[in-house]
């Protein structure tokens, strides 16, 4: 086993992962709830970029409903971003023979 070759491969992998993380941060996912009444856009890095709320769901008498809708849309958008990230990182590490769940 050639240690120098392994180190070079590790450096290349690190560079590719950094590039992949930058690409993911530039990608966006969108989640909507209540038939599109609340829409959240998040990046592939998991950052919430925007929240749109239809005025029809803004009821001063039922603030809890709006809070629940926003929370649900945010969670969905973040989950979609994480799933996209895991899929893309999985493609990058697929040929390495790493054990599942290594954290990439």
PDB file of N, CA and C in Angstrom:
ATOM      1  N   UNK A   1       0.845  -1.174   0.000  1.00  0.00           N
ATOM      2  CA  UNK A   1       0.000   0.000   0.000  1.00  0.00           C
ATOM      3  C   UNK A   1       0.893   1.241   0.000  1.00  0.00           C
ATOM      4  N   UNK A   2       0.649   2.136  -0.921  1.00  0.00           N
ATOM      5  CA  UNK A   2       1.458   3.334  -1.093  1.00  0.00           C
ATOM      6  C   UNK A   2       0.836   4.489  -0.299  1.00  0.00           C
ATOM      7  N   UNK A   3       1.498   4.890   0.779  1.00  0.00           N
ATOM      8  CA  UNK A   3       0.984   5.954   1.661  1.00  0.00           C
ATOM      9  C   UNK A   3       0.895   7.284   0.912  1.00  0.00           C
ATOM     10  N   UNK A   4       1.892   7.598   0.101  1.00  0.00           N
ATOM     11  CA  UNK A   4       1.882   8.862  -0.640  1.00  0.00           C
ATOM     12  C   UNK A   4       0.683   8.923  -1.577  1.00  0.00           C
ATOM     13  N   UNK A   5       0.363   7.798  -2.221  1.00  0.00           N
ATOM     14  CA  UNK A   5      -0.783   7.751  -3.124  1.00  0.00           C
ATOM     15  C   UNK A   5      -2.081   7.949  -2.343  1.00  0.00           C
ATOM     16  N   UNK A   6      -2.170   7.299  -1.174  1.00  0.00           N
ATOM     17  CA  UNK A   6      -3.360   7.444  -0.338  1.00  0.00           C
ATOM     18  C   UNK A   6      -3.530   8.886   0.125  1.00  0.00           C
ATOM     19  N   UNK A   7      -2.450   9.538   0.494  1.00  0.00           N
ATOM     20  CA  UNK A   7      -2.510  10.937   0.939  1.00  0.00           C
ATOM     21  C   UNK A   7      -2.963  11.837  -0.199  1.00  0.00           C
ATOM     22  N   UNK A   8      -2.460  11.571  -1.394  1.00  0.00           N
ATOM     23  CA  UNK A   8      -2.857  12.375  -2.555  1.00  0.00           C
ATOM     24  C   UNK A   8      -4.348  12.188  -2.835  1.00  0.00           C
ATOM     25  N   UNK A   9      -4.821  10.945  -2.748  1.00  0.00           N
ATOM     26  CA  UNK A   9      -6.243  10.678  -2.961  1.00  0.00           C
ATOM     27  C   UNK A   9      -7.089  11.371  -1.896  1.00  0.00           C
ATOM     28  N   UNK A  10      -6.625  11.357  -0.663  1.00  0.00           N
ATOM     29  CA  UNK A  10      -7.358  12.020   0.421  1.00  0.00           C
ATOM     30  C   UNK A  10      -7.433  13.526   0.180  1.00  0.00           C
ATOM     31  N   UNK A  11      -6.359  14.116  -0.304  1.00  0.00           N
ATOM     32  CA  UNK A  11      -6.357  15.554  -0.597  1.00  0.00           C
ATOM     33  C   UNK A  11      -7.311  15.873  -1.739  1.00  0.00           C
ATOM     34  N   UNK A  12      -7.322  15.012  -2.758  1.00  0.00           N
ATOM     35  CA  UNK A  12      -8.244  15.215  -3.877  1.00  0.00           C
ATOM     36  C   UNK A  12      -9.692  15.111  -3.408  1.00  0.00           C
ATOM     37  N   UNK A  13      -9.947  14.125  -2.547  1.00  0.00           N
ATOM     38  CA  UNK A  13     -11.298  13.946  -2.013  1.00  0.00           C
ATOM     39  C   UNK A  13     -11.720  15.166  -1.196  1.00  0.00           C
ATOM     40  N   UNK A  14     -10.814  15.684  -0.391  1.00  0.00           N
ATOM     41  CA  UNK A  14     -11.121  16.852   0.424  1.00  0.00           C
ATOM     42  C   UNK A  14     -11.456  18.046  -0.470  1.00  0.00           C
ATOM     43  N   UNK A  15     -10.701  18.203  -1.540  1.00  0.00           N
ATOM     44  CA  UNK A  15     -10.958  19.307  -2.478  1.00  0.00           C
ATOM     45  C   UNK A  15     -12.326  19.130  -3.134  1.00  0.00           C
ATOM     46  N   UNK A  16     -12.631  17.916  -3.579  1.00  0.00           N
ATOM     47  CA  UNK A  16     -13.921  17.656  -4.217  1.00  0.00           C
ATOM     48  C   UNK A  16     -15.073  17.892  -3.244  1.00  0.00           C
ATOM     49  N   UNK A  17     -14.891  17.496  -1.988  1.00  0.00           N
ATOM     50  CA  UNK A  17     -15.942  17.705  -0.994  1.00  0.00           C
ATOM     51  C   UNK A  17     -16.178  19.186  -0.753  1.00  0.00           C
ATOM     52  N   UNK A  18     -15.108  19.968  -0.717  1.00  0.00           N
ATOM     53  CA  UNK A  18     -15.253  21.411  -0.556  1.00  0.00           C
ATOM     54  C   UNK A  18     -16.013  22.025  -1.719  1.00  0.00           C
ATOM     55  N   UNK A  19     -15.681  21.575  -2.931  1.00  0.00           N
ATOM     56  CA  UNK A  19     -16.381  22.063  -4.119  1.00  0.00           C
ATOM     57  C   UNK A  19     -17.850  21.664  -4.077  1.00  0.00           C
ATOM     58  N   UNK A  20     -18.109  20.424  -3.654  1.00  0.00           N
ATOM     59  CA  UNK A  20     -19.479  19.936  -3.569  1.00  0.00           C
ATOM     60  C   UNK A  20     -20.277  20.755  -2.552  1.00  0.00           C
ATOM     61  N   UNK A  21     -19.677  21.073  -1.416  1.00  0.00           N
ATOM     62  CA  UNK A  21     -20.367  21.862  -0.402  1.00  0.00           C
ATOM     63  C   UNK A  21     -20.708  23.251  -0.931  1.00  0.00           C
ATOM     64  N   UNK A  22     -19.810  23.843  -1.716  1.00  0.00           N
ATOM     65  CA  UNK A  22     -20.089  25.148  -2.316  1.00  0.00           C
ATOM     66  C   UNK A  22     -21.244  25.045  -3.308  1.00  0.00           C
ATOM     67  N   UNK A  23     -21.250  23.977  -4.113  1.00  0.00           N
ATOM     68  CA  UNK A  23     -22.333  23.774  -5.075  1.00  0.00           C
ATOM     69  C   UNK A  23     -23.670  23.582  -4.361  1.00  0.00           C
ATOM     70  N   UNK A  24     -23.655  22.795  -3.294  1.00  0.00           N
ATOM     71  CA  UNK A  24     -24.888  22.556  -2.544  1.00  0.00           C
ATOM     72  C   UNK A  24     -25.414  23.848  -1.921  1.00  0.00           C
ATOM     73  N   UNK A  25     -24.526  24.678  -1.427  1.00  0.00           N
ATOM     74  CA  UNK A  25     -24.945  25.948  -0.820  1.00  0.00           C
ATOM     75  C   UNK A  25     -25.623  26.847  -1.846  1.00  0.00           C
ATOM     76  N   UNK A  26     -25.253  26.672  -3.124  1.00  0.00           N
ATOM     77  CA  UNK A  26     -25.838  27.495  -4.181  1.00  0.00           C
ATOM     78  C   UNK A  26     -27.179  26.938  -4.669  1.00  0.00           C
ATOM     79  N   UNK A  27     -27.450  25.653  -4.395  1.00  0.00           N
ATOM     80  CA  UNK A  27     -28.713  25.052  -4.827  1.00  0.00           C
ATOM     81  C   UNK A  27     -29.814  25.378  -3.826  1.00  0.00           C
ATOM     82  N   UNK A  28     -31.049  25.369  -4.320  1.00  0.00           N
ATOM     83  CA  UNK A  28     -32.186  25.688  -3.473  1.00  0.00           C
ATOM     84  C   UNK A  28     -33.239  24.591  -3.525  1.00  0.00           C
ATOM     85  N   UNK A  29     -33.926  24.421  -2.415  1.00  0.00           N
ATOM     86  CA  UNK A  29     -35.095  23.547  -2.342  1.00  0.00           C
ATOM     87  C   UNK A  29     -36.262  24.383  -1.833  1.00  0.00           C
ATOM     88  N   UNK A  30     -37.464  23.944  -2.172  1.00  0.00           N
ATOM     89  CA  UNK A  30     -38.653  24.692  -1.768  1.00  0.00           C
ATOM     90  C   UNK A  30     -39.657  23.730  -1.157  1.00  0.00           C
ATOM     91  N   UNK A  31     -40.258  24.145  -0.067  1.00  0.00           N
ATOM     92  CA  UNK A  31     -41.304  23.354   0.576  1.00  0.00           C
ATOM     93  C   UNK A  31     -42.516  24.246   0.813  1.00  0.00           C
ATOM     94  N   UNK A  32     -43.688  23.698   0.511  1.00  0.00           N
ATOM     95  CA  UNK A  32     -44.941  24.430   0.722  1.00  0.00           C
ATOM     96  C   UNK A  32     -45.885  23.588   1.553  1.00  0.00           C
ATOM     97  N   UNK A  33     -46.674  24.255   2.379  1.00  0.00           N
ATOM     98  CA  UNK A  33     -47.693  23.589   3.181  1.00  0.00           C
ATOM     99  C   UNK A  33     -49.013  24.330   2.999  1.00  0.00           C
ATOM    100  N   UNK A  34     -50.070  23.675   3.417  1.00  0.00           N
ATOM    101  CA  UNK A  34     -51.421  24.261   3.350  1.00  0.00           C
ATOM    102  C   UNK A  34     -51.762  24.707   1.931  1.00  0.00           C
ATOM    103  N   UNK A  35     -51.450  23.835   0.986  1.00  0.00           N
ATOM    104  CA  UNK A  35     -51.778  24.148  -0.403  1.00  0.00           C
ATOM    105  C   UNK A  35     -51.037  25.352  -0.947  1.00  0.00           C
ATOM    106  N   UNK A  36     -49.814  25.564  -0.480  1.00  0.00           N
ATOM    107  CA  UNK A  36     -49.010  26.675  -0.968  1.00  0.00           C
ATOM    108  C   UNK A  36     -49.207  27.968  -0.211  1.00  0.00           C
ATOM    109  N   UNK A  37     -49.945  27.909   0.872  1.00  0.00           N
ATOM    110  CA  UNK A  37     -50.188  29.128   1.659  1.00  0.00           C
ATOM    111  C   UNK A  37     -48.932  29.606   2.382  1.00  0.00           C
ATOM    112  N   UNK A  38     -48.042  28.668   2.733  1.00  0.00           N
ATOM    113  CA  UNK A  38     -46.754  29.014   3.340  1.00  0.00           C
ATOM    114  C   UNK A  38     -45.688  28.272   2.555  1.00  0.00           C
ATOM    115  N   UNK A  39     -44.725  29.031   2.036  1.00  0.00           N
ATOM    116  CA  UNK A  39     -43.647  28.452   1.230  1.00  0.00           C
ATOM    117  C   UNK A  39     -42.305  28.894   1.792  1.00  0.00           C
ATOM    118  N   UNK A  40     -41.402  27.930   1.944  1.00  0.00           N
ATOM    119  CA  UNK A  40     -40.062  28.202   2.450  1.00  0.00           C
ATOM    120  C   UNK A  40     -39.052  27.741   1.413  1.00  0.00           C
ATOM    121  N   UNK A  41     -38.056  28.579   1.172  1.00  0.00           N
ATOM    122  CA  UNK A  41     -36.945  28.236   0.287  1.00  0.00           C
ATOM    123  C   UNK A  41     -35.702  28.130   1.160  1.00  0.00           C
ATOM    124  N   UNK A  42     -34.973  27.020   0.992  1.00  0.00           N
ATOM    125  CA  UNK A  42     -33.740  26.800   1.756  1.00  0.00           C
ATOM    126  C   UNK A  42     -32.632  26.400   0.793  1.00  0.00           C
ATOM    127  N   UNK A  43     -31.402  26.598   1.239  1.00  0.00           N
ATOM    128  CA  UNK A  43     -30.258  26.182   0.435  1.00  0.00           C
ATOM    129  C   UNK A  43     -29.937  24.728   0.727  1.00  0.00           C
ATOM    130  N   UNK A  44     -29.118  24.139  -0.123  1.00  0.00           N
ATOM    131  CA  UNK A  44     -28.663  22.780   0.104  1.00  0.00           C
ATOM    132  C   UNK A  44     -27.807  22.666   1.351  1.00  0.00           C
ATOM    133  N   UNK A  45     -27.334  23.793   1.840  1.00  0.00           N
ATOM    134  CA  UNK A  45     -26.538  23.810   3.074  1.00  0.00           C
ATOM    135  C   UNK A  45     -27.433  23.875   4.311  1.00  0.00           C
ATOM    136  N   UNK A  46     -28.749  23.989   4.095  1.00  0.00           N
ATOM    137  CA  UNK A  46     -29.680  24.009   5.223  1.00  0.00           C
ATOM    138  C   UNK A  46     -30.037  25.390   5.725  1.00  0.00           C
ATOM    139  N   UNK A  47     -29.640  26.419   5.013  1.00  0.00           N
ATOM    140  CA  UNK A  47     -29.976  27.779   5.418  1.00  0.00           C
ATOM    141  C   UNK A  47     -31.333  28.174   4.841  1.00  0.00           C
ATOM    142  N   UNK A  48     -32.211  28.738   5.668  1.00  0.00           N
ATOM    143  CA  UNK A  48     -33.501  29.229   5.195  1.00  0.00           C
ATOM    144  C   UNK A  48     -33.247  30.553   4.480  1.00  0.00           C
ATOM    145  N   UNK A  49     -33.686  30.616   3.210  1.00  0.00           N
ATOM    146  CA  UNK A  49     -33.430  31.799   2.396  1.00  0.00           C
ATOM    147  C   UNK A  49     -34.623  32.736   2.326  1.00  0.00           C
ATOM    148  N   UNK A  50     -35.831  32.163   2.328  1.00  0.00           N
ATOM    149  CA  UNK A  50     -37.011  33.021   2.291  1.00  0.00           C
ATOM    150  C   UNK A  50     -38.232  32.273   2.810  1.00  0.00           C
ATOM    151  N   UNK A  51     -39.193  33.055   3.283  1.00  0.00           N
ATOM    152  CA  UNK A  51     -40.478  32.522   3.730  1.00  0.00           C
ATOM    153  C   UNK A  51     -41.558  33.415   3.134  1.00  0.00           C
ATOM    154  N   UNK A  52     -42.500  32.792   2.442  1.00  0.00           N
ATOM    155  CA  UNK A  52     -43.631  33.521   1.862  1.00  0.00           C
ATOM    156  C   UNK A  52     -44.902  33.036   2.535  1.00  0.00           C
ATOM    157  N   UNK A  53     -45.735  33.977   2.977  1.00  0.00           N
ATOM    158  CA  UNK A  53     -46.975  33.644   3.661  1.00  0.00           C
ATOM    159  C   UNK A  53     -48.138  34.340   2.953  1.00  0.00           C
ATOM    160  N   UNK A  54     -49.122  33.561   2.546  1.00  0.00           N
ATOM    161  CA  UNK A  54     -50.324  34.098   1.933  1.00  0.00           C
ATOM    162  C   UNK A  54     -51.112  34.832   3.019  1.00  0.00           C
ATOM    163  N   UNK A  55     -51.498  36.073   2.777  1.00  0.00           N
ATOM    164  CA  UNK A  55     -52.255  36.824   3.786  1.00  0.00           C
ATOM    165  C   UNK A  55     -53.536  36.121   4.244  1.00  0.00           C
ATOM    166  N   UNK A  56     -54.036  35.193   3.449  1.00  0.00           N
ATOM    167  CA  UNK A  56     -55.271  34.489   3.812  1.00  0.00           C
ATOM    168  C   UNK A  56     -55.101  33.636   5.068  1.00  0.00           C
ATOM    169  N   UNK A  57     -53.881  33.241   5.394  1.00  0.00           N
ATOM    170  CA  UNK A  57     -53.679  32.408   6.586  1.00  0.00           C
ATOM    171  C   UNK A  57     -53.264  33.229   7.803  1.00  0.00           C
ATOM    172  N   UNK A  58     -53.234  34.539   7.648  1.00  0.00           N
ATOM    173  CA  UNK A  58     -52.881  35.408   8.775  1.00  0.00           C
ATOM    174  C   UNK A  58     -54.174  35.783   9.505  1.00  0.00           C
ATOM    175  N   UNK A  59     -54.400  35.102  10.614  1.00  0.00           N
ATOM    176  CA  UNK A  59     -55.598  35.325  11.426  1.00  0.00           C
ATOM    177  C   UNK A  59     -55.139  35.689  12.838  1.00  0.00           C
ATOM    178  N   UNK A  60     -55.335  36.935  13.247  1.00  0.00           N
ATOM    179  CA  UNK A  60     -54.902  37.342  14.595  1.00  0.00           C
ATOM    180  C   UNK A  60     -55.525  36.497  15.700  1.00  0.00           C
ATOM    181  N   UNK A  61     -56.632  35.850  15.414  1.00  0.00           N
ATOM    182  CA  UNK A  61     -57.304  35.013  16.399  1.00  0.00           C
ATOM    183  C   UNK A  61     -56.711  33.599  16.470  1.00  0.00           C
ATOM    184  N   UNK A  62     -55.879  33.252  15.480  1.00  0.00           N
ATOM    185  CA  UNK A  62     -55.326  31.900  15.436  1.00  0.00           C
ATOM    186  C   UNK A  62     -53.851  31.942  15.015  1.00  0.00           C
ATOM    187  N   UNK A  63     -53.060  32.592  15.824  1.00  0.00           N
ATOM    188  CA  UNK A  63     -51.634  32.730  15.542  1.00  0.00           C
ATOM    189  C   UNK A  63     -50.945  31.365  15.582  1.00  0.00           C
ATOM    190  N   UNK A  64     -51.420  30.472  16.419  1.00  0.00           N
ATOM    191  CA  UNK A  64     -50.807  29.148  16.537  1.00  0.00           C
ATOM    192  C   UNK A  64     -50.833  28.385  15.217  1.00  0.00           C
ATOM    193  N   UNK A  65     -51.904  28.513  14.460  1.00  0.00           N
ATOM    194  CA  UNK A  65     -51.983  27.839  13.162  1.00  0.00           C
ATOM    195  C   UNK A  65     -50.872  28.341  12.249  1.00  0.00           C
ATOM    196  N   UNK A  66     -50.705  29.644  12.179  1.00  0.00           N
ATOM    197  CA  UNK A  66     -49.658  30.213  11.333  1.00  0.00           C
ATOM    198  C   UNK A  66     -48.277  29.757  11.800  1.00  0.00           C
ATOM    199  N   UNK A  67     -48.058  29.753  13.104  1.00  0.00           N
ATOM    200  CA  UNK A  67     -46.780  29.283  13.641  1.00  0.00           C
ATOM    201  C   UNK A  67     -46.518  27.835  13.243  1.00  0.00           C
ATOM    202  N   UNK A  68     -47.532  26.999  13.350  1.00  0.00           N
ATOM    203  CA  UNK A  68     -47.393  25.587  12.985  1.00  0.00           C
ATOM    204  C   UNK A  68     -47.094  25.421  11.496  1.00  0.00           C
ATOM    205  N   UNK A  69     -47.777  26.199  10.667  1.00  0.00           N
ATOM    206  CA  UNK A  69     -47.558  26.115   9.223  1.00  0.00           C
ATOM    207  C   UNK A  69     -46.134  26.532   8.863  1.00  0.00           C
ATOM    208  N   UNK A  70     -45.669  27.629   9.446  1.00  0.00           N
ATOM    209  CA  UNK A  70     -44.300  28.105   9.168  1.00  0.00           C
ATOM    210  C   UNK A  70     -43.282  27.069   9.644  1.00  0.00           C
ATOM    211  N   UNK A  71     -43.454  26.568  10.839  1.00  0.00           N
ATOM    212  CA  UNK A  71     -42.530  25.566  11.364  1.00  0.00           C
ATOM    213  C   UNK A  71     -42.497  24.320  10.486  1.00  0.00           C
ATOM    214  N   UNK A  72     -43.658  23.862  10.075  1.00  0.00           N
ATOM    215  CA  UNK A  72     -43.738  22.681   9.225  1.00  0.00           C
ATOM    216  C   UNK A  72     -43.026  22.903   7.889  1.00  0.00           C
ATOM    217  N   UNK A  73     -43.249  24.042   7.267  1.00  0.00           N
ATOM    218  CA  UNK A  73     -42.609  24.339   5.979  1.00  0.00           C
ATOM    219  C   UNK A  73     -41.095  24.460   6.134  1.00  0.00           C
ATOM    220  N   UNK A  74     -40.641  25.087   7.215  1.00  0.00           N
ATOM    221  CA  UNK A  74     -39.204  25.218   7.467  1.00  0.00           C
ATOM    222  C   UNK A  74     -38.572  23.842   7.644  1.00  0.00           C
ATOM    223  N   UNK A  75     -39.205  22.996   8.445  1.00  0.00           N
ATOM    224  CA  UNK A  75     -38.674  21.649   8.665  1.00  0.00           C
ATOM    225  C   UNK A  75     -38.586  20.870   7.351  1.00  0.00           C
ATOM    226  N   UNK A  76     -39.632  20.957   6.543  1.00  0.00           N
ATOM    227  CA  UNK A  76     -39.638  20.242   5.270  1.00  0.00           C
ATOM    228  C   UNK A  76     -38.528  20.737   4.344  1.00  0.00           C
ATOM    229  N   UNK A  77     -38.351  22.043   4.275  1.00  0.00           N
ATOM    230  CA  UNK A  77     -37.321  22.608   3.403  1.00  0.00           C
ATOM    231  C   UNK A  77     -35.934  22.171   3.863  1.00  0.00           C
ATOM    232  N   UNK A  78     -35.694  22.200   5.155  1.00  0.00           N
ATOM    233  CA  UNK A  78     -34.390  21.788   5.680  1.00  0.00           C
ATOM    234  C   UNK A  78     -34.166  20.298   5.436  1.00  0.00           C
ATOM    235  N   UNK A  79     -35.193  19.484   5.621  1.00  0.00           N
ATOM    236  CA  UNK A  79     -35.077  18.046   5.356  1.00  0.00           C
ATOM    237  C   UNK A  79     -34.759  17.789   3.892  1.00  0.00           C
ATOM    238  N   UNK A  80     -35.408  18.525   2.987  1.00  0.00           N
ATOM    239  CA  UNK A  80     -35.138  18.365   1.561  1.00  0.00           C
ATOM    240  C   UNK A  80     -33.701  18.759   1.237  1.00  0.00           C
ATOM    241  N   UNK A  81     -33.226  19.831   1.852  1.00  0.00           N
ATOM    242  CA  UNK A  81     -31.844  20.261   1.639  1.00  0.00           C
ATOM    243  C   UNK A  81     -30.858  19.217   2.121  1.00  0.00           C
ATOM    244  N   UNK A  82     -31.126  18.640   3.294  1.00  0.00           N
ATOM    245  CA  UNK A  82     -30.248  17.599   3.833  1.00  0.00           C
ATOM    246  C   UNK A  82     -30.262  16.363   2.942  1.00  0.00           C
ATOM    247  N   UNK A  83     -31.434  15.985   2.466  1.00  0.00           N
ATOM    248  CA  UNK A  83     -31.544  14.811   1.600  1.00  0.00           C
ATOM    249  C   UNK A  83     -30.761  15.037   0.306  1.00  0.00           C
ATOM    250  N   UNK A  84     -30.882  16.236  -0.256  1.00  0.00           N
ATOM    251  CA  UNK A  84     -30.145  16.551  -1.472  1.00  0.00           C
ATOM    252  C   UNK A  84     -28.644  16.483  -1.195  1.00  0.00           C
ATOM    253  N   UNK A  85     -28.225  17.009  -0.067  1.00  0.00           N
ATOM    254  CA  UNK A  85     -26.810  17.000   0.309  1.00  0.00           C
ATOM    255  C   UNK A  85     -26.299  15.577   0.469  1.00  0.00           C
ATOM    256  N   UNK A  86     -27.064  14.730   1.153  1.00  0.00           N
ATOM    257  CA  UNK A  86     -26.650  13.340   1.361  1.00  0.00           C
ATOM    258  C   UNK A  86     -26.548  12.594   0.037  1.00  0.00           C
ATOM    259  N   UNK A  87     -27.488  12.850  -0.864  1.00  0.00           N
ATOM    260  CA  UNK A  87     -27.466  12.196  -2.170  1.00  0.00           C
ATOM    261  C   UNK A  87     -26.218  12.599  -2.949  1.00  0.00           C
ATOM    262  N   UNK A  88     -25.936  13.900  -2.974  1.00  0.00           N
ATOM    263  CA  UNK A  88     -24.777  14.384  -3.728  1.00  0.00           C
ATOM    264  C   UNK A  88     -23.467  13.906  -3.109  1.00  0.00           C
ATOM    265  N   UNK A  89     -23.358  13.949  -1.793  1.00  0.00           N
ATOM    266  CA  UNK A  89     -22.143  13.480  -1.132  1.00  0.00           C
ATOM    267  C   UNK A  89     -21.986  11.969  -1.308  1.00  0.00           C
ATOM    268  N   UNK A  90     -23.111  11.253  -1.331  1.00  0.00           N
ATOM    269  CA  UNK A  90     -23.068   9.814  -1.554  1.00  0.00           C
ATOM    270  C   UNK A  90     -22.489   9.477  -2.913  1.00  0.00           C
ATOM    271  N   UNK A  91     -22.817  10.284  -3.916  1.00  0.00           N
ATOM    272  CA  UNK A  91     -22.258  10.082  -5.257  1.00  0.00           C
ATOM    273  C   UNK A  91     -20.748  10.269  -5.230  1.00  0.00           C
ATOM    274  N   UNK A  92     -20.307  11.242  -4.466  1.00  0.00           N
ATOM    275  CA  UNK A  92     -18.889  11.556  -4.389  1.00  0.00           C
ATOM    276  C   UNK A  92     -18.097  10.454  -3.706  1.00  0.00           C
ATOM    277  N   UNK A  93     -18.662   9.860  -2.676  1.00  0.00           N
ATOM    278  CA  UNK A  93     -17.932   8.862  -1.888  1.00  0.00           C
ATOM    279  C   UNK A  93     -18.263   7.422  -2.274  1.00  0.00           C
ATOM    280  N   UNK A  94     -19.110   7.225  -3.276  1.00  0.00           N
ATOM    281  CA  UNK A  94     -19.593   5.887  -3.626  1.00  0.00           C
ATOM    282  C   UNK A  94     -18.469   4.906  -3.947  1.00  0.00           C
ATOM    283  N   UNK A  95     -17.449   5.325  -4.641  1.00  0.00           N
ATOM    284  CA  UNK A  95     -16.404   4.404  -5.062  1.00  0.00           C
ATOM    285  C   UNK A  95     -15.302   4.193  -4.051  1.00  0.00           C
ATOM    286  N   UNK A  96     -15.432   4.747  -2.874  1.00  0.00           N
ATOM    287  CA  UNK A  96     -14.341   4.671  -1.899  1.00  0.00           C
ATOM    288  C   UNK A  96     -14.385   3.433  -1.018  1.00  0.00           C
ATOM    289  N   UNK A  97     -15.516   2.753  -0.989  1.00  0.00           N
ATOM    290  CA  UNK A  97     -15.636   1.588  -0.130  1.00  0.00           C
ATOM    291  C   UNK A  97     -15.692   1.933   1.339  1.00  0.00           C
ATOM    292  N   UNK A  98     -16.204   3.109   1.652  1.00  0.00           N
ATOM    293  CA  UNK A  98     -16.318   3.529   3.051  1.00  0.00           C
ATOM    294  C   UNK A  98     -17.513   2.844   3.703  1.00  0.00           C
ATOM    295  N   UNK A  99     -17.440   2.558   4.994  1.00  0.00           N
ATOM    296  CA  UNK A  99     -18.591   1.957   5.668  1.00  0.00           C
ATOM    297  C   UNK A  99     -19.768   2.940   5.720  1.00  0.00           C
ATOM    298  N   UNK A 100     -20.996   2.417   5.690  1.00  0.00           N
ATOM    299  CA  UNK A 100     -22.170   3.297   5.742  1.00  0.00           C
ATOM    300  C   UNK A 100     -22.173   4.146   7.002  1.00  0.00           C
ATOM    301  N   UNK A 101     -22.670   5.377   6.861  1.00  0.00           N
ATOM    302  CA  UNK A 101     -22.812   6.247   8.023  1.00  0.00           C
ATOM    303  C   UNK A 101     -21.535   6.864   8.506  1.00  0.00           C
ATOM    304  N   UNK A 102     -20.539   6.944   7.632  1.00  0.00           N
ATOM    305  CA  UNK A 102     -19.259   7.501   8.051  1.00  0.00           C
ATOM    306  C   UNK A 102     -19.359   9.009   8.306  1.00  0.00           C
ATOM    307  N   UNK A 103     -20.434   9.616   7.840  1.00  0.00           N
ATOM    308  CA  UNK A 103     -20.640  11.018   8.158  1.00  0.00           C
ATOM    309  C   UNK A 103     -20.335  11.972   7.019  1.00  0.00           C
ATOM    310  N   UNK A 104     -20.169  11.451   5.829  1.00  0.00           N
ATOM    311  CA  UNK A 104     -19.913  12.358   4.693  1.00  0.00           C
ATOM    312  C   UNK A 104     -21.196  12.846   4.144  1.00  0.00           C
TER     313      UNK A 104
END
